[in-house]
Amino acid sequence: MFLGTHYPRLDDKGRLTLPAKFRDELAGGLMVTKGQDHCLYVFPRAEFEQMARKVAEAPFTNDAVRAYQRYLFAGTDEQRPDGQGRVLIAPELRRYAGLTKECVVVGAFTRLEIWDAAAWQTYLEEHEDGYATAREEVIPGVF
């Protein structure tokens, strides 16, 4: 389970140091892919495989499904953290997420999200009121 907010820096080689508390779960390999809202998603390999199977089972006769499948699978990079817990973020993925030196890694339960620090701050500012006023229609039965 991935929770919390962390503030690593991207080094000059495009590597990001994963938060220490997540390294064991990601040591066997991870998948970095383009996420919604122009962030990156980081899944443990097994979690990504489950999600990918569901996406692959969708009817490829549907234009939107084909486009989503292509975008997801073509934009995914498999990585294995090095001895210091660093992973290389591919240039295309860095470009997509607008990553600069200052990054934010957000735990999102089954995945991590990697954000440019300024983009994350903007996202928080734009969505804070919506979270504060969330009602049952967002998550039925919880509130």
N, C-alpha and C. Protein backbone atom coordinates (compact mmCIF):
# COMPACT_ATOMS: atom_id res chain seq x y z
N MET A 1 0.85 -1.17 0.00
CA MET A 1 0.00 0.00 0.00
C MET A 1 0.90 1.23 0.00
N PHE A 2 0.68 2.12 -0.96
CA PHE A 2 1.50 3.32 -1.10
C PHE A 2 0.73 4.53 -0.56
N LEU A 3 1.29 5.17 0.44
CA LEU A 3 0.68 6.33 1.05
C LEU A 3 1.73 7.40 1.32
N GLY A 4 1.30 8.64 1.43
CA GLY A 4 2.20 9.72 1.81
C GLY A 4 2.69 10.54 0.63
N THR A 5 3.41 11.61 0.97
CA THR A 5 3.96 12.53 -0.02
C THR A 5 5.45 12.69 0.26
N HIS A 6 6.25 12.60 -0.78
CA HIS A 6 7.71 12.62 -0.65
C HIS A 6 8.26 13.60 -1.70
N TYR A 7 9.44 14.14 -1.43
CA TYR A 7 9.99 15.20 -2.27
C TYR A 7 11.42 14.89 -2.75
N PRO A 8 11.56 13.90 -3.62
CA PRO A 8 12.89 13.61 -4.16
C PRO A 8 13.25 14.59 -5.29
N ARG A 9 14.51 14.58 -5.65
CA ARG A 9 14.99 15.41 -6.77
C ARG A 9 15.39 14.49 -7.92
N LEU A 10 15.18 14.98 -9.12
CA LEU A 10 15.62 14.29 -10.32
C LEU A 10 17.09 14.66 -10.52
N ASP A 11 17.99 13.68 -10.69
CA ASP A 11 19.40 14.02 -10.87
C ASP A 11 19.69 14.37 -12.33
N ASP A 12 20.93 14.74 -12.61
CA ASP A 12 21.31 15.19 -13.96
C ASP A 12 21.18 14.10 -15.01
N LYS A 13 21.14 12.84 -14.59
CA LYS A 13 21.00 11.73 -15.53
C LYS A 13 19.54 11.31 -15.71
N GLY A 14 18.61 12.02 -15.07
CA GLY A 14 17.20 11.69 -15.19
C GLY A 14 16.75 10.58 -14.26
N ARG A 15 17.51 10.36 -13.18
CA ARG A 15 17.16 9.32 -12.22
C ARG A 15 16.45 9.94 -11.02
N LEU A 16 15.50 9.19 -10.49
CA LEU A 16 14.73 9.61 -9.32
C LEU A 16 14.94 8.57 -8.23
N THR A 17 15.23 9.02 -7.02
CA THR A 17 15.39 8.11 -5.90
C THR A 17 14.02 7.85 -5.28
N LEU A 18 13.64 6.59 -5.27
CA LEU A 18 12.35 6.22 -4.70
C LEU A 18 12.39 6.33 -3.18
N PRO A 19 11.28 6.71 -2.56
CA PRO A 19 11.24 6.76 -1.10
C PRO A 19 11.62 5.40 -0.51
N ALA A 20 12.45 5.41 0.52
CA ALA A 20 12.98 4.17 1.11
C ALA A 20 11.88 3.21 1.54
N LYS A 21 10.78 3.73 2.04
CA LYS A 21 9.73 2.86 2.56
C LYS A 21 9.02 2.05 1.47
N PHE A 22 9.22 2.39 0.19
CA PHE A 22 8.57 1.67 -0.91
C PHE A 22 9.53 0.75 -1.67
N ARG A 23 10.80 0.81 -1.36
CA ARG A 23 11.80 0.09 -2.17
C ARG A 23 11.63 -1.42 -2.15
N ASP A 24 11.31 -1.99 -1.00
CA ASP A 24 11.15 -3.45 -0.94
C ASP A 24 10.03 -3.91 -1.87
N GLU A 25 8.92 -3.20 -1.86
CA GLU A 25 7.78 -3.59 -2.69
C GLU A 25 8.08 -3.43 -4.18
N LEU A 26 9.01 -2.54 -4.52
CA LEU A 26 9.32 -2.26 -5.93
C LEU A 26 10.62 -2.92 -6.39
N ALA A 27 11.31 -3.60 -5.49
CA ALA A 27 12.62 -4.18 -5.81
C ALA A 27 12.55 -5.21 -6.93
N GLY A 28 11.42 -5.90 -7.07
CA GLY A 28 11.28 -6.92 -8.10
C GLY A 28 10.98 -6.37 -9.48
N GLY A 29 10.87 -5.08 -9.60
CA GLY A 29 10.59 -4.45 -10.88
C GLY A 29 9.36 -3.58 -10.80
N LEU A 30 9.33 -2.59 -11.64
CA LEU A 30 8.22 -1.65 -11.64
C LEU A 30 7.98 -1.15 -13.05
N MET A 31 6.81 -0.61 -13.24
CA MET A 31 6.43 -0.07 -14.53
C MET A 31 6.11 1.41 -14.35
N VAL A 32 6.75 2.25 -15.15
CA VAL A 32 6.49 3.68 -15.14
C VAL A 32 5.72 4.00 -16.41
N THR A 33 4.57 4.65 -16.26
CA THR A 33 3.74 4.94 -17.41
C THR A 33 3.10 6.32 -17.29
N LYS A 34 2.61 6.83 -18.39
CA LYS A 34 1.93 8.12 -18.40
C LYS A 34 0.61 7.99 -17.65
N GLY A 35 0.40 8.88 -16.71
CA GLY A 35 -0.84 8.88 -15.95
C GLY A 35 -1.74 10.02 -16.39
N GLN A 36 -2.91 10.07 -15.80
CA GLN A 36 -3.81 11.20 -16.07
C GLN A 36 -3.23 12.44 -15.39
N ASP A 37 -3.71 13.60 -15.79
CA ASP A 37 -3.31 14.88 -15.20
C ASP A 37 -1.82 15.19 -15.41
N HIS A 38 -1.22 14.58 -16.40
CA HIS A 38 0.19 14.80 -16.74
C HIS A 38 1.15 14.51 -15.59
N CYS A 39 0.86 13.43 -14.87
CA CYS A 39 1.82 12.89 -13.92
C CYS A 39 2.25 11.53 -14.45
N LEU A 40 3.15 10.87 -13.75
CA LEU A 40 3.54 9.50 -14.11
C LEU A 40 3.01 8.55 -13.05
N TYR A 41 2.60 7.38 -13.47
CA TYR A 41 2.19 6.34 -12.55
C TYR A 41 3.33 5.33 -12.44
N VAL A 42 3.55 4.85 -11.23
CA VAL A 42 4.53 3.80 -10.98
C VAL A 42 3.79 2.65 -10.32
N PHE A 43 3.78 1.51 -11.00
CA PHE A 43 3.11 0.32 -10.49
C PHE A 43 4.15 -0.76 -10.21
N PRO A 44 3.96 -1.54 -9.14
CA PRO A 44 4.74 -2.78 -9.05
C PRO A 44 4.39 -3.61 -10.28
N ARG A 45 5.33 -4.38 -10.75
CA ARG A 45 5.12 -5.14 -11.98
C ARG A 45 3.84 -5.98 -11.93
N ALA A 46 3.61 -6.69 -10.84
CA ALA A 46 2.43 -7.57 -10.75
C ALA A 46 1.13 -6.75 -10.81
N GLU A 47 1.11 -5.61 -10.17
CA GLU A 47 -0.09 -4.76 -10.18
C GLU A 47 -0.36 -4.23 -11.60
N PHE A 48 0.72 -3.85 -12.30
CA PHE A 48 0.57 -3.36 -13.67
C PHE A 48 0.04 -4.47 -14.57
N GLU A 49 0.55 -5.68 -14.40
CA GLU A 49 0.10 -6.80 -15.23
C GLU A 49 -1.40 -7.05 -15.06
N GLN A 50 -1.90 -6.95 -13.83
CA GLN A 50 -3.34 -7.13 -13.60
C GLN A 50 -4.14 -6.06 -14.33
N MET A 51 -3.72 -4.82 -14.18
CA MET A 51 -4.41 -3.71 -14.83
C MET A 51 -4.31 -3.82 -16.35
N ALA A 52 -3.14 -4.17 -16.85
CA ALA A 52 -2.93 -4.28 -18.29
C ALA A 52 -3.80 -5.37 -18.91
N ARG A 53 -3.98 -6.46 -18.19
CA ARG A 53 -4.85 -7.53 -18.70
C ARG A 53 -6.28 -7.02 -18.89
N LYS A 54 -6.77 -6.24 -17.94
CA LYS A 54 -8.12 -5.68 -18.05
C LYS A 54 -8.22 -4.75 -19.24
N VAL A 55 -7.20 -3.91 -19.42
CA VAL A 55 -7.19 -2.98 -20.56
C VAL A 55 -7.14 -3.77 -21.87
N ALA A 56 -6.31 -4.81 -21.90
CA ALA A 56 -6.15 -5.61 -23.13
C ALA A 56 -7.42 -6.39 -23.47
N GLU A 57 -8.25 -6.70 -22.48
CA GLU A 57 -9.48 -7.46 -22.71
C GLU A 57 -10.62 -6.59 -23.25
N ALA A 58 -10.45 -5.29 -23.21
CA ALA A 58 -11.49 -4.40 -23.72
C ALA A 58 -11.62 -4.61 -25.24
N PRO A 59 -12.78 -4.36 -25.80
CA PRO A 59 -13.00 -4.64 -27.23
C PRO A 59 -12.18 -3.70 -28.13
N PHE A 60 -11.20 -4.27 -28.83
CA PHE A 60 -10.33 -3.45 -29.67
C PHE A 60 -11.03 -2.94 -30.93
N THR A 61 -12.27 -3.32 -31.12
CA THR A 61 -13.04 -2.77 -32.24
C THR A 61 -13.52 -1.35 -31.94
N ASN A 62 -13.37 -0.92 -30.70
CA ASN A 62 -13.77 0.42 -30.27
C ASN A 62 -12.57 1.37 -30.44
N ASP A 63 -12.77 2.48 -31.15
CA ASP A 63 -11.69 3.44 -31.41
C ASP A 63 -11.05 3.95 -30.13
N ALA A 64 -11.87 4.32 -29.15
CA ALA A 64 -11.35 4.87 -27.90
C ALA A 64 -10.51 3.84 -27.15
N VAL A 65 -10.93 2.58 -27.19
CA VAL A 65 -10.18 1.51 -26.53
C VAL A 65 -8.82 1.34 -27.19
N ARG A 66 -8.81 1.28 -28.52
CA ARG A 66 -7.53 1.13 -29.23
C ARG A 66 -6.59 2.28 -28.92
N ALA A 67 -7.11 3.49 -28.92
CA ALA A 67 -6.27 4.66 -28.64
C ALA A 67 -5.70 4.58 -27.22
N TYR A 68 -6.53 4.21 -26.27
CA TYR A 68 -6.07 4.11 -24.88
C TYR A 68 -5.02 3.01 -24.74
N GLN A 69 -5.28 1.85 -25.35
CA GLN A 69 -4.32 0.75 -25.28
C GLN A 69 -2.98 1.16 -25.87
N ARG A 70 -3.01 1.79 -27.04
CA ARG A 70 -1.75 2.21 -27.67
C ARG A 70 -1.00 3.19 -26.80
N TYR A 71 -1.71 4.17 -26.31
CA TYR A 71 -1.07 5.20 -25.50
C TYR A 71 -0.49 4.62 -24.22
N LEU A 72 -1.26 3.78 -23.55
CA LEU A 72 -0.79 3.17 -22.30
C LEU A 72 0.43 2.28 -22.53
N PHE A 73 0.31 1.34 -23.45
CA PHE A 73 1.37 0.36 -23.62
C PHE A 73 2.62 0.95 -24.27
N ALA A 74 2.44 1.85 -25.22
CA ALA A 74 3.61 2.47 -25.86
C ALA A 74 4.33 3.42 -24.90
N GLY A 75 3.59 3.97 -23.93
CA GLY A 75 4.18 4.94 -23.02
C GLY A 75 4.64 4.34 -21.70
N THR A 76 4.83 3.04 -21.64
CA THR A 76 5.23 2.37 -20.40
C THR A 76 6.68 1.91 -20.49
N ASP A 77 7.41 2.12 -19.41
CA ASP A 77 8.82 1.73 -19.34
C ASP A 77 9.03 0.84 -18.12
N GLU A 78 9.63 -0.31 -18.33
CA GLU A 78 9.92 -1.21 -17.22
C GLU A 78 11.27 -0.84 -16.61
N GLN A 79 11.31 -0.78 -15.30
CA GLN A 79 12.53 -0.41 -14.60
C GLN A 79 12.75 -1.33 -13.40
N ARG A 80 13.99 -1.39 -12.96
CA ARG A 80 14.35 -2.08 -11.72
C ARG A 80 15.24 -1.11 -10.95
N PRO A 81 14.88 -0.77 -9.71
CA PRO A 81 15.69 0.18 -8.95
C PRO A 81 17.13 -0.32 -8.78
N ASP A 82 18.08 0.61 -8.82
CA ASP A 82 19.48 0.24 -8.58
C ASP A 82 19.70 0.09 -7.07
N GLY A 83 20.94 -0.15 -6.67
CA GLY A 83 21.26 -0.38 -5.26
C GLY A 83 20.94 0.78 -4.34
N GLN A 84 20.80 1.98 -4.91
CA GLN A 84 20.47 3.16 -4.10
C GLN A 84 18.99 3.53 -4.21
N GLY A 85 18.21 2.67 -4.85
CA GLY A 85 16.77 2.91 -4.97
C GLY A 85 16.42 3.90 -6.07
N ARG A 86 17.33 4.11 -7.01
CA ARG A 86 17.05 5.05 -8.10
C ARG A 86 16.51 4.33 -9.33
N VAL A 87 15.62 5.03 -10.04
CA VAL A 87 15.13 4.54 -11.32
C VAL A 87 15.32 5.64 -12.36
N LEU A 88 15.63 5.23 -13.56
CA LEU A 88 15.78 6.17 -14.67
C LEU A 88 14.41 6.47 -15.23
N ILE A 89 14.08 7.75 -15.31
CA ILE A 89 12.82 8.17 -15.93
C ILE A 89 13.14 8.51 -17.38
N ALA A 90 12.55 7.78 -18.30
CA ALA A 90 12.83 7.96 -19.73
C ALA A 90 12.54 9.40 -20.16
N PRO A 91 13.33 9.93 -21.10
CA PRO A 91 13.13 11.32 -21.54
C PRO A 91 11.70 11.64 -21.97
N GLU A 92 11.04 10.73 -22.70
CA GLU A 92 9.67 10.99 -23.14
C GLU A 92 8.71 11.09 -21.95
N LEU A 93 8.94 10.27 -20.93
CA LEU A 93 8.10 10.33 -19.74
C LEU A 93 8.37 11.62 -18.96
N ARG A 94 9.62 12.02 -18.88
CA ARG A 94 9.95 13.30 -18.20
C ARG A 94 9.29 14.46 -18.92
N ARG A 95 9.31 14.42 -20.26
CA ARG A 95 8.69 15.48 -21.05
C ARG A 95 7.18 15.52 -20.81
N TYR A 96 6.54 14.35 -20.88
CA TYR A 96 5.08 14.27 -20.69
C TYR A 96 4.66 14.87 -19.35
N ALA A 97 5.40 14.55 -18.29
CA ALA A 97 5.03 15.01 -16.95
C ALA A 97 5.63 16.38 -16.62
N GLY A 98 6.43 16.93 -17.53
CA GLY A 98 7.04 18.24 -17.29
C GLY A 98 7.98 18.23 -16.10
N LEU A 99 8.66 17.10 -15.89
CA LEU A 99 9.52 16.98 -14.71
C LEU A 99 10.75 17.87 -14.80
N THR A 100 11.00 18.58 -13.72
CA THR A 100 12.22 19.36 -13.55
C THR A 100 12.96 18.71 -12.39
N LYS A 101 13.92 19.38 -11.83
CA LYS A 101 14.69 18.81 -10.71
C LYS A 101 13.81 18.49 -9.51
N GLU A 102 12.91 19.40 -9.18
CA GLU A 102 12.08 19.25 -7.98
C GLU A 102 10.84 18.41 -8.33
N CYS A 103 10.73 17.26 -7.68
CA CYS A 103 9.61 16.34 -7.95
C CYS A 103 8.86 16.04 -6.66
N VAL A 104 7.69 15.48 -6.83
CA VAL A 104 6.88 15.00 -5.71
C VAL A 104 6.45 13.58 -6.05
N VAL A 105 6.61 12.68 -5.09
CA VAL A 105 6.12 11.31 -5.24
C VAL A 105 4.98 11.14 -4.26
N VAL A 106 3.81 10.81 -4.81
CA VAL A 106 2.58 10.72 -4.03
C VAL A 106 2.13 9.27 -3.99
N GLY A 107 1.87 8.77 -2.80
CA GLY A 107 1.29 7.44 -2.67
C GLY A 107 -0.18 7.48 -3.03
N ALA A 108 -0.61 6.59 -3.92
CA ALA A 108 -2.01 6.54 -4.35
C ALA A 108 -2.54 5.10 -4.20
N PHE A 109 -2.26 4.51 -3.06
CA PHE A 109 -2.70 3.18 -2.64
C PHE A 109 -2.07 2.05 -3.45
N THR A 110 -2.51 1.83 -4.70
CA THR A 110 -1.95 0.73 -5.49
C THR A 110 -0.81 1.18 -6.40
N ARG A 111 -0.55 2.47 -6.42
CA ARG A 111 0.50 3.00 -7.30
C ARG A 111 1.12 4.22 -6.64
N LEU A 112 2.25 4.62 -7.19
CA LEU A 112 2.85 5.91 -6.88
C LEU A 112 2.57 6.84 -8.04
N GLU A 113 2.53 8.13 -7.77
CA GLU A 113 2.45 9.13 -8.82
C GLU A 113 3.66 10.03 -8.69
N ILE A 114 4.29 10.34 -9.82
CA ILE A 114 5.42 11.26 -9.85
C ILE A 114 4.96 12.53 -10.53
N TRP A 115 5.12 13.63 -9.84
CA TRP A 115 4.70 14.94 -10.32
C TRP A 115 5.87 15.90 -10.31
N ASP A 116 5.85 16.85 -11.22
CA ASP A 116 6.72 18.02 -11.08
C ASP A 116 6.20 18.78 -9.87
N ALA A 117 7.08 19.29 -9.03
CA ALA A 117 6.66 19.93 -7.78
C ALA A 117 5.70 21.10 -8.02
N ALA A 118 5.97 21.93 -9.02
CA ALA A 118 5.10 23.08 -9.29
C ALA A 118 3.73 22.61 -9.79
N ALA A 119 3.71 21.58 -10.64
CA ALA A 119 2.45 21.05 -11.15
C ALA A 119 1.62 20.45 -10.02
N TRP A 120 2.28 19.76 -9.08
CA TRP A 120 1.57 19.18 -7.95
C TRP A 120 0.94 20.28 -7.09
N GLN A 121 1.68 21.34 -6.84
CA GLN A 121 1.14 22.44 -6.04
C GLN A 121 -0.08 23.06 -6.72
N THR A 122 0.01 23.24 -8.03
CA THR A 122 -1.12 23.79 -8.78
C THR A 122 -2.32 22.85 -8.69
N TYR A 123 -2.08 21.55 -8.84
CA TYR A 123 -3.16 20.57 -8.75
C TYR A 123 -3.83 20.64 -7.38
N LEU A 124 -3.04 20.70 -6.32
CA LEU A 124 -3.61 20.78 -4.98
C LEU A 124 -4.47 22.02 -4.81
N GLU A 125 -3.98 23.14 -5.28
CA GLU A 125 -4.73 24.39 -5.16
C GLU A 125 -6.06 24.32 -5.92
N GLU A 126 -6.04 23.71 -7.08
CA GLU A 126 -7.25 23.63 -7.91
C GLU A 126 -8.28 22.64 -7.37
N HIS A 127 -7.85 21.64 -6.61
CA HIS A 127 -8.76 20.57 -6.19
C HIS A 127 -9.03 20.51 -4.69
N GLU A 128 -8.40 21.37 -3.93
CA GLU A 128 -8.55 21.31 -2.47
C GLU A 128 -10.00 21.51 -2.02
N ASP A 129 -10.68 22.50 -2.58
CA ASP A 129 -12.06 22.75 -2.17
C ASP A 129 -12.96 21.57 -2.51
N GLY A 130 -12.75 20.95 -3.66
CA GLY A 130 -13.56 19.80 -4.05
C GLY A 130 -13.38 18.64 -3.09
N TYR A 131 -12.15 18.42 -2.63
CA TYR A 131 -11.91 17.35 -1.66
C TYR A 131 -12.57 17.68 -0.33
N ALA A 132 -12.44 18.93 0.10
CA ALA A 132 -12.98 19.34 1.39
C ALA A 132 -14.51 19.24 1.43
N THR A 133 -15.14 19.32 0.28
CA THR A 133 -16.61 19.28 0.25
C THR A 133 -17.15 17.99 -0.38
N ALA A 134 -16.30 16.99 -0.54
CA ALA A 134 -16.73 15.72 -1.14
C ALA A 134 -17.92 15.15 -0.37
N ARG A 135 -18.83 14.64 -1.10
CA ARG A 135 -20.02 14.04 -0.51
C ARG A 135 -20.13 12.57 -0.92
N GLU A 136 -21.18 11.97 -0.50
CA GLU A 136 -21.36 10.54 -0.73
C GLU A 136 -21.32 10.17 -2.20
N GLU A 137 -21.71 11.06 -3.10
CA GLU A 137 -21.72 10.68 -4.51
C GLU A 137 -20.32 10.41 -5.05
N VAL A 138 -19.30 10.90 -4.37
CA VAL A 138 -17.93 10.62 -4.80
C VAL A 138 -17.55 9.19 -4.41
N ILE A 139 -17.80 8.83 -3.18
CA ILE A 139 -17.51 7.49 -2.68
C ILE A 139 -18.73 7.02 -1.89
N PRO A 140 -19.66 6.36 -2.56
CA PRO A 140 -20.90 5.95 -1.90
C PRO A 140 -20.67 5.14 -0.62
N GLY A 141 -21.40 5.53 0.42
CA GLY A 141 -21.35 4.78 1.68
C GLY A 141 -20.21 5.11 2.59
N VAL A 142 -19.30 6.00 2.19
CA VAL A 142 -18.14 6.30 3.03
C VAL A 142 -18.43 7.46 3.97
N PHE A 143 -19.13 8.48 3.51
CA PHE A 143 -19.36 9.67 4.35
C PHE A 143 -20.75 9.67 4.93
